[in-house]
Amino acid sequence: MSEEKETGRIEAFSDGVFAVAITLLVLDIKVPTNPLTNPHASLSSELIQQWPGYLAFITSFLSILVMWINHHRIFGLIRRSNDRFLILNGLLMLIVTVVPFSTSLVAAYIRHPQAKIAGLVYAGTNFVLAIFFNLLWRYASRNGRLLASDYDELSARGLTASYRYGPHLYFIVFLTGFLSVYLCMALSMALVLFFTIPARKHAECASPSL
């Protein structure tokens, strides 16, 4: 008989937060109104000029999607919860809700002289997210504290390995924000791709134990 899962409400709440955050991103892409009142304005030109919004939307949409995938991977191994775990998950959701703001900031300022500050806020948000993902998994997996009795050890080792790298990699991306907002965004996308790799693939870098 499979072990009863205690985290259904946590997962439902978290899924709701991810869904709202990912939906809010599209609000930064505005319908051009100038051509409606100015017959000489080009709708196609107005749409093209909004490319910073498209870039920020795609980057952050994929980022939140991968966050949700990784959150799902974590809860695929967890069967129990406690107050500390609830708090850590809540803090992770807090930072997830900041992503639409940091995205809006980058979209608005990417061509502005102070674009680097916007890039630093965006990268800093991702850095803090990586920290809380690491803390959430470390707490749950320590000595199998909240894991299923028959959890997939290879997947668990892979998560431990990948989340160990996460904060360090995102901190490096944060530092690149001082150089270029475009480089910062490009590296952020590269990390999104890195964290799409299945946990088992990361297990080669994991230590024998959690």
Protein backbone atom coordinates (compact mmCIF):
# COMPACT_ATOMS: atom_id res chain seq x y z
CA MET A 1 0.00 0.00 0.00
CA SER A 2 1.36 3.43 -0.90
CA GLU A 3 2.16 5.85 1.90
CA GLU A 4 -0.50 8.49 2.58
CA LYS A 5 0.48 11.94 1.35
CA GLU A 6 0.02 14.85 3.78
CA THR A 7 0.99 17.74 1.51
CA GLY A 8 -2.08 18.08 -0.73
CA ARG A 9 -3.16 21.47 0.62
CA ILE A 10 0.39 22.83 0.45
CA GLU A 11 0.70 21.81 -3.19
CA ALA A 12 -2.73 23.24 -4.07
CA PHE A 13 -1.87 26.57 -2.44
CA SER A 14 1.54 26.68 -4.11
CA ASP A 15 0.09 25.82 -7.53
CA GLY A 16 -2.34 28.72 -7.11
CA VAL A 17 0.50 31.14 -6.35
CA PHE A 18 2.50 29.97 -9.37
CA ALA A 19 -0.59 30.26 -11.59
CA VAL A 20 -1.34 33.83 -10.49
CA ALA A 21 2.29 34.94 -10.79
CA ILE A 22 2.69 33.49 -14.27
CA THR A 23 -0.60 35.05 -15.41
CA LEU A 24 0.28 38.53 -14.12
CA LEU A 25 3.34 38.61 -16.38
CA VAL A 26 1.26 39.16 -19.51
CA LEU A 27 -0.22 42.38 -18.09
CA ASP A 28 3.03 44.15 -18.93
CA ILE A 29 2.40 43.62 -22.64
CA LYS A 30 0.13 46.50 -23.59
CA VAL A 31 -2.13 46.91 -26.60
CA PRO A 32 -0.76 49.89 -28.60
CA THR A 33 -3.29 52.72 -28.57
CA ASN A 34 -1.42 55.41 -30.51
CA PRO A 35 -2.50 54.12 -33.96
CA LEU A 36 -6.14 54.39 -32.83
CA THR A 37 -5.87 58.17 -32.54
CA ASN A 38 -2.97 58.90 -34.87
CA PRO A 39 -3.59 57.76 -38.48
CA HIS A 40 0.11 58.18 -39.28
CA ALA A 41 1.24 55.81 -36.55
CA SER A 42 2.16 52.27 -37.55
CA LEU A 43 0.70 49.44 -35.50
CA SER A 44 3.49 47.09 -36.58
CA SER A 45 6.14 49.60 -35.45
CA GLU A 46 4.39 50.09 -32.13
CA LEU A 47 4.30 46.32 -31.59
CA ILE A 48 7.99 45.96 -32.47
CA GLN A 49 8.95 48.74 -30.06
CA GLN A 50 7.48 46.70 -27.23
CA TRP A 51 10.20 44.04 -27.60
CA PRO A 52 11.55 44.62 -24.05
CA GLY A 53 8.18 43.55 -22.70
CA TYR A 54 8.18 40.43 -24.85
CA LEU A 55 11.72 39.56 -23.74
CA ALA A 56 10.92 40.01 -20.06
CA PHE A 57 7.65 38.08 -20.43
CA ILE A 58 9.23 35.07 -22.15
CA THR A 59 12.18 34.96 -19.75
CA SER A 60 10.05 35.18 -16.63
CA PHE A 61 7.29 32.90 -17.94
CA LEU A 62 9.84 30.16 -18.59
CA SER A 63 11.53 30.87 -15.25
CA ILE A 64 8.30 30.49 -13.27
CA LEU A 65 7.36 27.42 -15.31
CA VAL A 66 10.68 25.77 -14.43
CA MET A 67 10.25 26.82 -10.79
CA TRP A 68 6.87 25.09 -10.78
CA ILE A 69 8.36 21.98 -12.39
CA ASN A 70 11.09 21.83 -9.75
CA HIS A 71 8.56 22.46 -6.98
CA HIS A 72 6.56 19.53 -8.39
CA ARG A 73 9.72 17.38 -8.40
CA ILE A 74 10.34 18.17 -4.74
CA PHE A 75 6.80 17.31 -3.71
CA GLY A 76 6.95 14.12 -5.72
CA LEU A 77 9.39 12.86 -3.09
CA ILE A 78 7.83 14.44 0.01
CA ARG A 79 5.00 12.82 1.97
CA ARG A 80 4.95 14.76 5.25
CA SER A 81 5.09 18.37 6.46
CA ASN A 82 5.56 20.36 9.65
CA ASP A 83 5.43 24.00 10.73
CA ARG A 84 8.99 24.84 9.66
CA PHE A 85 8.43 23.33 6.26
CA LEU A 86 5.21 25.33 5.86
CA ILE A 87 7.08 28.53 6.70
CA LEU A 88 9.88 27.79 4.25
CA ASN A 89 7.40 27.01 1.48
CA GLY A 90 5.47 30.18 2.32
CA LEU A 91 8.64 32.27 2.08
CA LEU A 92 9.41 30.67 -1.28
CA MET A 93 5.92 31.63 -2.49
CA LEU A 94 6.52 35.17 -1.22
CA ILE A 95 9.50 35.56 -3.52
CA VAL A 96 7.63 33.93 -6.43
CA THR A 97 5.02 36.71 -6.18
CA VAL A 98 7.80 39.31 -6.59
CA VAL A 99 8.77 37.96 -10.02
CA PRO A 100 6.04 39.92 -11.91
CA PHE A 101 7.35 43.15 -10.34
CA SER A 102 10.99 42.47 -11.20
CA THR A 103 9.88 41.55 -14.71
CA SER A 104 7.95 44.82 -15.10
CA LEU A 105 10.98 46.73 -13.87
CA VAL A 106 13.29 45.17 -16.47
CA ALA A 107 10.76 45.69 -19.26
CA ALA A 108 10.37 49.36 -18.38
CA TYR A 109 14.06 50.18 -17.86
CA ILE A 110 16.01 47.87 -20.19
CA ARG A 111 16.70 50.79 -22.59
CA HIS A 112 17.08 53.35 -19.80
CA PRO A 113 20.46 54.61 -18.46
CA GLN A 114 19.60 52.94 -15.12
CA ALA A 115 18.88 49.57 -16.73
CA LYS A 116 21.61 47.90 -14.66
CA ILE A 117 19.68 48.58 -11.46
CA ALA A 118 16.59 46.92 -12.93
CA GLY A 119 18.73 43.97 -14.01
CA LEU A 120 20.19 43.67 -10.52
CA VAL A 121 16.71 43.61 -8.97
CA TYR A 122 15.64 40.92 -11.44
CA ALA A 123 18.75 38.79 -10.88
CA GLY A 124 18.62 39.40 -7.14
CA THR A 125 15.06 38.07 -7.02
CA ASN A 126 16.18 34.90 -8.80
CA PHE A 127 19.13 34.57 -6.40
CA VAL A 128 16.83 34.71 -3.37
CA LEU A 129 14.49 32.20 -5.03
CA ALA A 130 17.41 29.81 -5.50
CA ILE A 131 18.30 30.16 -1.82
CA PHE A 132 14.78 29.30 -0.67
CA PHE A 133 14.49 26.36 -3.07
CA ASN A 134 17.73 25.07 -1.58
CA LEU A 135 16.54 25.62 2.00
CA LEU A 136 13.16 24.00 1.33
CA TRP A 137 14.69 20.87 -0.16
CA ARG A 138 17.55 20.67 2.35
CA TYR A 139 15.14 20.83 5.26
CA ALA A 140 12.74 18.25 3.81
CA SER A 141 15.46 15.81 2.71
CA ARG A 142 17.79 15.96 5.73
CA ASN A 143 17.97 12.37 6.96
CA GLY A 144 14.81 11.73 4.93
CA ARG A 145 12.93 13.93 7.40
CA LEU A 146 9.81 14.53 5.29
CA LEU A 147 10.39 12.13 2.41
CA ALA A 148 8.40 9.05 1.53
CA SER A 149 9.74 5.88 3.09
CA ASP A 150 10.36 4.48 -0.41
CA TYR A 151 11.58 7.69 -2.07
CA ASP A 152 13.65 7.55 -5.26
CA GLU A 153 17.17 7.99 -3.89
CA LEU A 154 18.72 8.78 -7.28
CA SER A 155 16.24 11.60 -7.92
CA ALA A 156 16.78 12.93 -4.39
CA ARG A 157 20.55 12.98 -4.90
CA GLY A 158 20.05 14.79 -8.19
CA LEU A 159 17.91 17.48 -6.57
CA THR A 160 20.47 17.93 -3.82
CA ALA A 161 23.24 18.35 -6.39
CA SER A 162 21.39 20.81 -8.63
CA TYR A 163 20.11 22.96 -5.75
CA ARG A 164 23.60 23.06 -4.28
CA TYR A 165 24.76 24.83 -7.44
CA GLY A 166 21.72 27.09 -7.75
CA PRO A 167 22.52 29.95 -5.32
CA HIS A 168 26.14 30.13 -6.51
CA LEU A 169 25.15 30.25 -10.17
CA TYR A 170 22.45 32.86 -9.62
CA PHE A 171 24.85 34.97 -7.57
CA ILE A 172 27.25 34.96 -10.53
CA VAL A 173 24.39 36.09 -12.77
CA PHE A 174 23.61 38.83 -10.23
CA LEU A 175 27.20 40.07 -10.46
CA THR A 176 27.00 40.20 -14.27
CA GLY A 177 24.15 42.68 -13.81
CA PHE A 178 26.78 45.28 -12.91
CA LEU A 179 28.23 44.81 -16.40
CA SER A 180 25.22 44.44 -18.68
CA VAL A 181 21.49 43.92 -18.28
CA TYR A 182 21.46 41.98 -21.56
CA LEU A 183 24.16 39.59 -20.35
CA CYS A 184 22.26 39.21 -17.09
CA MET A 185 19.06 38.26 -18.94
CA ALA A 186 20.89 35.87 -21.28
CA LEU A 187 22.53 34.03 -18.39
CA SER A 188 19.21 33.90 -16.56
CA MET A 189 17.76 32.07 -19.55
CA ALA A 190 20.74 29.72 -19.58
CA LEU A 191 20.03 28.80 -15.95
CA VAL A 192 16.38 28.19 -16.78
CA LEU A 193 17.56 25.60 -19.29
CA PHE A 194 19.96 24.12 -16.72
CA PHE A 195 17.15 23.53 -14.23
CA THR A 196 14.96 21.81 -16.81
CA ILE A 197 17.41 18.90 -16.72
CA PRO A 198 15.79 15.93 -14.92
CA ALA A 199 17.00 15.40 -11.36
CA ARG A 200 18.42 11.99 -12.19
CA LYS A 201 20.83 13.62 -14.65
CA HIS A 202 22.24 15.75 -11.85
CA ALA A 203 22.79 12.70 -9.65
CA GLU A 204 26.23 12.12 -11.14
CA CYS A 205 27.43 15.21 -9.30
CA ALA A 206 25.65 14.34 -6.07
CA SER A 207 27.28 12.97 -2.96
CA PRO A 208 26.40 9.39 -1.91
CA SER A 209 24.07 10.67 0.80
CA LEU A 210 21.60 13.54 1.19
